[in-house]
């Protein structure tokens, strides 16, 4: 509400957008984070959350 996100996004749209993030773990044990879209980056910035990196 503080960031005026309610004007352009509903709560379900925000959750849907952030649900798309995935961590892929290969047989070798390496983990990769799927690509972060512009919308996802914007949402992380608006919420003041650091952009995630692969573990």
PDB file of N, CA and C in Angstrom:
ATOM      1  N   UNK A   1       0.833  -1.179   0.000  1.00  0.00           N
ATOM      2  CA  UNK A   1       0.000   0.000   0.000  1.00  0.00           C
ATOM      3  C   UNK A   1       0.885   1.253   0.000  1.00  0.00           C
ATOM      4  N   UNK A   2       1.960   1.205   0.768  1.00  0.00           N
ATOM      5  CA  UNK A   2       2.860   2.355   0.864  1.00  0.00           C
ATOM      6  C   UNK A   2       3.543   2.670  -0.468  1.00  0.00           C
ATOM      7  N   UNK A   3       3.753   1.665  -1.284  1.00  0.00           N
ATOM      8  CA  UNK A   3       4.449   1.856  -2.557  1.00  0.00           C
ATOM      9  C   UNK A   3       3.493   2.055  -3.726  1.00  0.00           C
ATOM     10  N   UNK A   4       2.206   2.202  -3.459  1.00  0.00           N
ATOM     11  CA  UNK A   4       1.172   2.383  -4.491  1.00  0.00           C
ATOM     12  C   UNK A   4       1.094   1.222  -5.475  1.00  0.00           C
ATOM     13  N   UNK A   5       1.446   0.028  -5.031  1.00  0.00           N
ATOM     14  CA  UNK A   5       1.348  -1.138  -5.915  1.00  0.00           C
ATOM     15  C   UNK A   5      -0.095  -1.527  -6.173  1.00  0.00           C
ATOM     16  N   UNK A   6      -0.990  -1.199  -5.240  1.00  0.00           N
ATOM     17  CA  UNK A   6      -2.393  -1.572  -5.394  1.00  0.00           C
ATOM     18  C   UNK A   6      -3.038  -0.915  -6.605  1.00  0.00           C
ATOM     19  N   UNK A   7      -2.424   0.154  -7.126  1.00  0.00           N
ATOM     20  CA  UNK A   7      -2.980   0.830  -8.309  1.00  0.00           C
ATOM     21  C   UNK A   7      -2.760   0.022  -9.583  1.00  0.00           C
ATOM     22  N   UNK A   8      -1.687  -0.780  -9.618  1.00  0.00           N
ATOM     23  CA  UNK A   8      -1.394  -1.515 -10.838  1.00  0.00           C
ATOM     24  C   UNK A   8      -1.368  -3.036 -10.666  1.00  0.00           C
ATOM     25  N   UNK A   9      -1.331  -3.527  -9.417  1.00  0.00           N
ATOM     26  CA  UNK A   9      -1.276  -4.967  -9.178  1.00  0.00           C
ATOM     27  C   UNK A   9      -2.227  -5.364  -8.060  1.00  0.00           C
ATOM     28  N   UNK A  10      -2.849  -6.531  -8.210  1.00  0.00           N
ATOM     29  CA  UNK A  10      -3.610  -7.095  -7.106  1.00  0.00           C
ATOM     30  C   UNK A  10      -2.656  -7.989  -6.311  1.00  0.00           C
ATOM     31  N   UNK A  11      -3.056  -8.376  -5.115  1.00  0.00           N
ATOM     32  CA  UNK A  11      -2.229  -9.246  -4.293  1.00  0.00           C
ATOM     33  C   UNK A  11      -1.971 -10.569  -5.001  1.00  0.00           C
ATOM     34  N   UNK A  12      -2.985 -11.110  -5.647  1.00  0.00           N
ATOM     35  CA  UNK A  12      -2.816 -12.398  -6.340  1.00  0.00           C
ATOM     36  C   UNK A  12      -1.850 -12.270  -7.516  1.00  0.00           C
ATOM     37  N   UNK A  13      -1.823 -11.116  -8.198  1.00  0.00           N
ATOM     38  CA  UNK A  13      -0.876 -10.907  -9.300  1.00  0.00           C
ATOM     39  C   UNK A  13       0.557 -10.850  -8.780  1.00  0.00           C
ATOM     40  N   UNK A  14       0.749 -10.204  -7.639  1.00  0.00           N
ATOM     41  CA  UNK A  14       2.087 -10.130  -7.043  1.00  0.00           C
ATOM     42  C   UNK A  14       2.563 -11.526  -6.660  1.00  0.00           C
ATOM     43  N   UNK A  15       1.703 -12.293  -6.003  1.00  0.00           N
ATOM     44  CA  UNK A  15       2.063 -13.651  -5.597  1.00  0.00           C
ATOM     45  C   UNK A  15       2.329 -14.521  -6.818  1.00  0.00           C
ATOM     46  N   UNK A  16       1.504 -14.422  -7.833  1.00  0.00           N
ATOM     47  CA  UNK A  16       1.696 -15.199  -9.060  1.00  0.00           C
ATOM     48  C   UNK A  16       3.050 -14.884  -9.693  1.00  0.00           C
ATOM     49  N   UNK A  17       3.396 -13.615  -9.738  1.00  0.00           N
ATOM     50  CA  UNK A  17       4.659 -13.204 -10.361  1.00  0.00           C
ATOM     51  C   UNK A  17       5.857 -13.756  -9.588  1.00  0.00           C
ATOM     52  N   UNK A  18       5.795 -13.726  -8.269  1.00  0.00           N
ATOM     53  CA  UNK A  18       6.917 -14.188  -7.460  1.00  0.00           C
ATOM     54  C   UNK A  18       6.978 -15.718  -7.380  1.00  0.00           C
ATOM     55  N   UNK A  19       5.852 -16.396  -7.629  1.00  0.00           N
ATOM     56  CA  UNK A  19       5.840 -17.866  -7.636  1.00  0.00           C
ATOM     57  C   UNK A  19       6.642 -18.435  -8.795  1.00  0.00           C
ATOM     58  N   UNK A  20       6.914 -17.638  -9.804  1.00  0.00           N
ATOM     59  CA  UNK A  20       7.624 -18.116 -10.983  1.00  0.00           C
ATOM     60  C   UNK A  20       9.108 -18.387 -10.717  1.00  0.00           C
ATOM     61  N   UNK A  21       9.645 -17.847  -9.640  1.00  0.00           N
ATOM     62  CA  UNK A  21      11.058 -18.058  -9.322  1.00  0.00           C
ATOM     63  C   UNK A  21      11.292 -19.510  -8.938  1.00  0.00           C
ATOM     64  N   UNK A  22      12.336 -20.076  -9.468  1.00  0.00           N
ATOM     65  CA  UNK A  22      12.664 -21.473  -9.195  1.00  0.00           C
ATOM     66  C   UNK A  22      14.169 -21.617  -8.965  1.00  0.00           C
ATOM     67  N   UNK A  23      14.543 -22.589  -8.137  1.00  0.00           N
ATOM     68  CA  UNK A  23      15.938 -22.981  -7.978  1.00  0.00           C
ATOM     69  C   UNK A  23      16.066 -24.353  -8.610  1.00  0.00           C
ATOM     70  N   UNK A  24      17.007 -24.464  -9.554  1.00  0.00           N
ATOM     71  CA  UNK A  24      17.233 -25.721 -10.255  1.00  0.00           C
ATOM     72  C   UNK A  24      18.524 -26.316  -9.709  1.00  0.00           C
ATOM     73  N   UNK A  25      18.469 -27.565  -9.255  1.00  0.00           N
ATOM     74  CA  UNK A  25      19.653 -28.249  -8.733  1.00  0.00           C
ATOM     75  C   UNK A  25      20.028 -29.365  -9.700  1.00  0.00           C
ATOM     76  N   UNK A  26      21.271 -29.336 -10.145  1.00  0.00           N
ATOM     77  CA  UNK A  26      21.762 -30.345 -11.079  1.00  0.00           C
ATOM     78  C   UNK A  26      22.272 -31.566 -10.324  1.00  0.00           C
ATOM     79  N   UNK A  27      22.491 -32.656 -11.050  1.00  0.00           N
ATOM     80  CA  UNK A  27      23.010 -33.878 -10.435  1.00  0.00           C
ATOM     81  C   UNK A  27      24.365 -33.642  -9.783  1.00  0.00           C
ATOM     82  N   UNK A  28      25.126 -32.706 -10.298  1.00  0.00           N
ATOM     83  CA  UNK A  28      26.448 -32.408  -9.746  1.00  0.00           C
ATOM     84  C   UNK A  28      26.353 -31.673  -8.405  1.00  0.00           C
ATOM     85  N   UNK A  29      25.148 -31.244  -8.041  1.00  0.00           N
ATOM     86  CA  UNK A  29      24.961 -30.551  -6.778  1.00  0.00           C
ATOM     87  C   UNK A  29      24.906 -29.035  -6.901  1.00  0.00           C
ATOM     88  N   UNK A  30      25.214 -28.510  -8.084  1.00  0.00           N
ATOM     89  CA  UNK A  30      25.152 -27.060  -8.291  1.00  0.00           C
ATOM     90  C   UNK A  30      23.705 -26.592  -8.379  1.00  0.00           C
ATOM     91  N   UNK A  31      23.429 -25.437  -7.777  1.00  0.00           N
ATOM     92  CA  UNK A  31      22.091 -24.860  -7.811  1.00  0.00           C
ATOM     93  C   UNK A  31      22.099 -23.574  -8.615  1.00  0.00           C
ATOM     94  N   UNK A  32      21.056 -23.376  -9.382  1.00  0.00           N
ATOM     95  CA  UNK A  32      20.905 -22.175 -10.186  1.00  0.00           C
ATOM     96  C   UNK A  32      19.517 -21.593  -9.953  1.00  0.00           C
ATOM     97  N   UNK A  33      19.454 -20.286  -9.887  1.00  0.00           N
ATOM     98  CA  UNK A  33      18.190 -19.576  -9.769  1.00  0.00           C
ATOM     99  C   UNK A  33      17.726 -19.218 -11.174  1.00  0.00           C
ATOM    100  N   UNK A  34      16.448 -19.448 -11.468  1.00  0.00           N
ATOM    101  CA  UNK A  34      15.946 -19.080 -12.793  1.00  0.00           C
ATOM    102  C   UNK A  34      16.038 -17.565 -12.966  1.00  0.00           C
ATOM    103  N   UNK A  35      15.974 -17.125 -14.177  1.00  0.00           N
ATOM    104  CA  UNK A  35      16.116 -15.696 -14.481  1.00  0.00           C
ATOM    105  C   UNK A  35      15.032 -14.873 -13.781  1.00  0.00           C
ATOM    106  N   UNK A  36      15.435 -13.713 -13.274  1.00  0.00           N
ATOM    107  CA  UNK A  36      14.510 -12.810 -12.592  1.00  0.00           C
ATOM    108  C   UNK A  36      14.037 -11.767 -13.599  1.00  0.00           C
ATOM    109  N   UNK A  37      12.720 -11.673 -13.773  1.00  0.00           N
ATOM    110  CA  UNK A  37      12.147 -10.749 -14.745  1.00  0.00           C
ATOM    111  C   UNK A  37      12.184  -9.310 -14.225  1.00  0.00           C
ATOM    112  N   UNK A  38      11.902  -8.369 -15.106  1.00  0.00           N
ATOM    113  CA  UNK A  38      11.860  -6.955 -14.723  1.00  0.00           C
ATOM    114  C   UNK A  38      10.784  -6.712 -13.666  1.00  0.00           C
ATOM    115  N   UNK A  39       9.616  -7.349 -13.839  1.00  0.00           N
ATOM    116  CA  UNK A  39       8.529  -7.195 -12.866  1.00  0.00           C
ATOM    117  C   UNK A  39       8.957  -7.707 -11.494  1.00  0.00           C
ATOM    118  N   UNK A  40       9.620  -8.863 -11.482  1.00  0.00           N
ATOM    119  CA  UNK A  40      10.067  -9.440 -10.218  1.00  0.00           C
ATOM    120  C   UNK A  40      11.093  -8.534  -9.542  1.00  0.00           C
ATOM    121  N   UNK A  41      12.038  -8.012 -10.324  1.00  0.00           N
ATOM    122  CA  UNK A  41      13.042  -7.084  -9.772  1.00  0.00           C
ATOM    123  C   UNK A  41      12.370  -5.856  -9.178  1.00  0.00           C
ATOM    124  N   UNK A  42      11.397  -5.317  -9.905  1.00  0.00           N
ATOM    125  CA  UNK A  42      10.686  -4.132  -9.440  1.00  0.00           C
ATOM    126  C   UNK A  42       9.960  -4.420  -8.126  1.00  0.00           C
ATOM    127  N   UNK A  43       9.319  -5.585  -8.038  1.00  0.00           N
ATOM    128  CA  UNK A  43       8.611  -5.951  -6.810  1.00  0.00           C
ATOM    129  C   UNK A  43       9.569  -6.095  -5.630  1.00  0.00           C
ATOM    130  N   UNK A  44      10.714  -6.736  -5.856  1.00  0.00           N
ATOM    131  CA  UNK A  44      11.699  -6.863  -4.780  1.00  0.00           C
ATOM    132  C   UNK A  44      12.170  -5.488  -4.318  1.00  0.00           C
ATOM    133  N   UNK A  45      12.414  -4.585  -5.263  1.00  0.00           N
ATOM    134  CA  UNK A  45      12.858  -3.236  -4.909  1.00  0.00           C
ATOM    135  C   UNK A  45      11.784  -2.479  -4.134  1.00  0.00           C
ATOM    136  N   UNK A  46      10.537  -2.572  -4.585  1.00  0.00           N
ATOM    137  CA  UNK A  46       9.436  -1.873  -3.918  1.00  0.00           C
ATOM    138  C   UNK A  46       9.240  -2.355  -2.486  1.00  0.00           C
ATOM    139  N   UNK A  47       9.419  -3.670  -2.267  1.00  0.00           N
ATOM    140  CA  UNK A  47       9.245  -4.237  -0.934  1.00  0.00           C
ATOM    141  C   UNK A  47      10.501  -4.098  -0.084  1.00  0.00           C
ATOM    142  N   UNK A  48      11.588  -3.628  -0.685  1.00  0.00           N
ATOM    143  CA  UNK A  48      12.838  -3.467   0.075  1.00  0.00           C
ATOM    144  C   UNK A  48      13.505  -4.787   0.394  1.00  0.00           C
ATOM    145  N   UNK A  49      13.279  -5.788  -0.452  1.00  0.00           N
ATOM    146  CA  UNK A  49      13.869  -7.113  -0.261  1.00  0.00           C
ATOM    147  C   UNK A  49      15.051  -7.256  -1.217  1.00  0.00           C
ATOM    148  N   UNK A  50      16.209  -7.729  -0.715  1.00  0.00           N
ATOM    149  CA  UNK A  50      17.335  -7.932  -1.623  1.00  0.00           C
ATOM    150  C   UNK A  50      17.002  -8.971  -2.686  1.00  0.00           C
ATOM    151  N   UNK A  51      17.504  -8.759  -3.875  1.00  0.00           N
ATOM    152  CA  UNK A  51      17.252  -9.698  -4.972  1.00  0.00           C
ATOM    153  C   UNK A  51      17.957 -11.013  -4.650  1.00  0.00           C
ATOM    154  N   UNK A  52      17.231 -12.133  -4.702  1.00  0.00           N
ATOM    155  CA  UNK A  52      17.812 -13.421  -4.297  1.00  0.00           C
ATOM    156  C   UNK A  52      18.900 -13.884  -5.260  1.00  0.00           C
ATOM    157  N   UNK A  53      19.828 -14.658  -4.715  1.00  0.00           N
ATOM    158  CA  UNK A  53      20.873 -15.299  -5.503  1.00  0.00           C
ATOM    159  C   UNK A  53      20.824 -16.787  -5.210  1.00  0.00           C
ATOM    160  N   UNK A  54      21.373 -17.582  -6.112  1.00  0.00           N
ATOM    161  CA  UNK A  54      21.357 -19.035  -5.927  1.00  0.00           C
ATOM    162  C   UNK A  54      22.184 -19.415  -4.711  1.00  0.00           C
ATOM    163  N   UNK A  55      21.724 -20.412  -3.976  1.00  0.00           N
ATOM    164  CA  UNK A  55      22.464 -20.856  -2.765  1.00  0.00           C
ATOM    165  C   UNK A  55      23.790 -21.484  -3.084  1.00  0.00           C
TER     166      UNK A  55
END
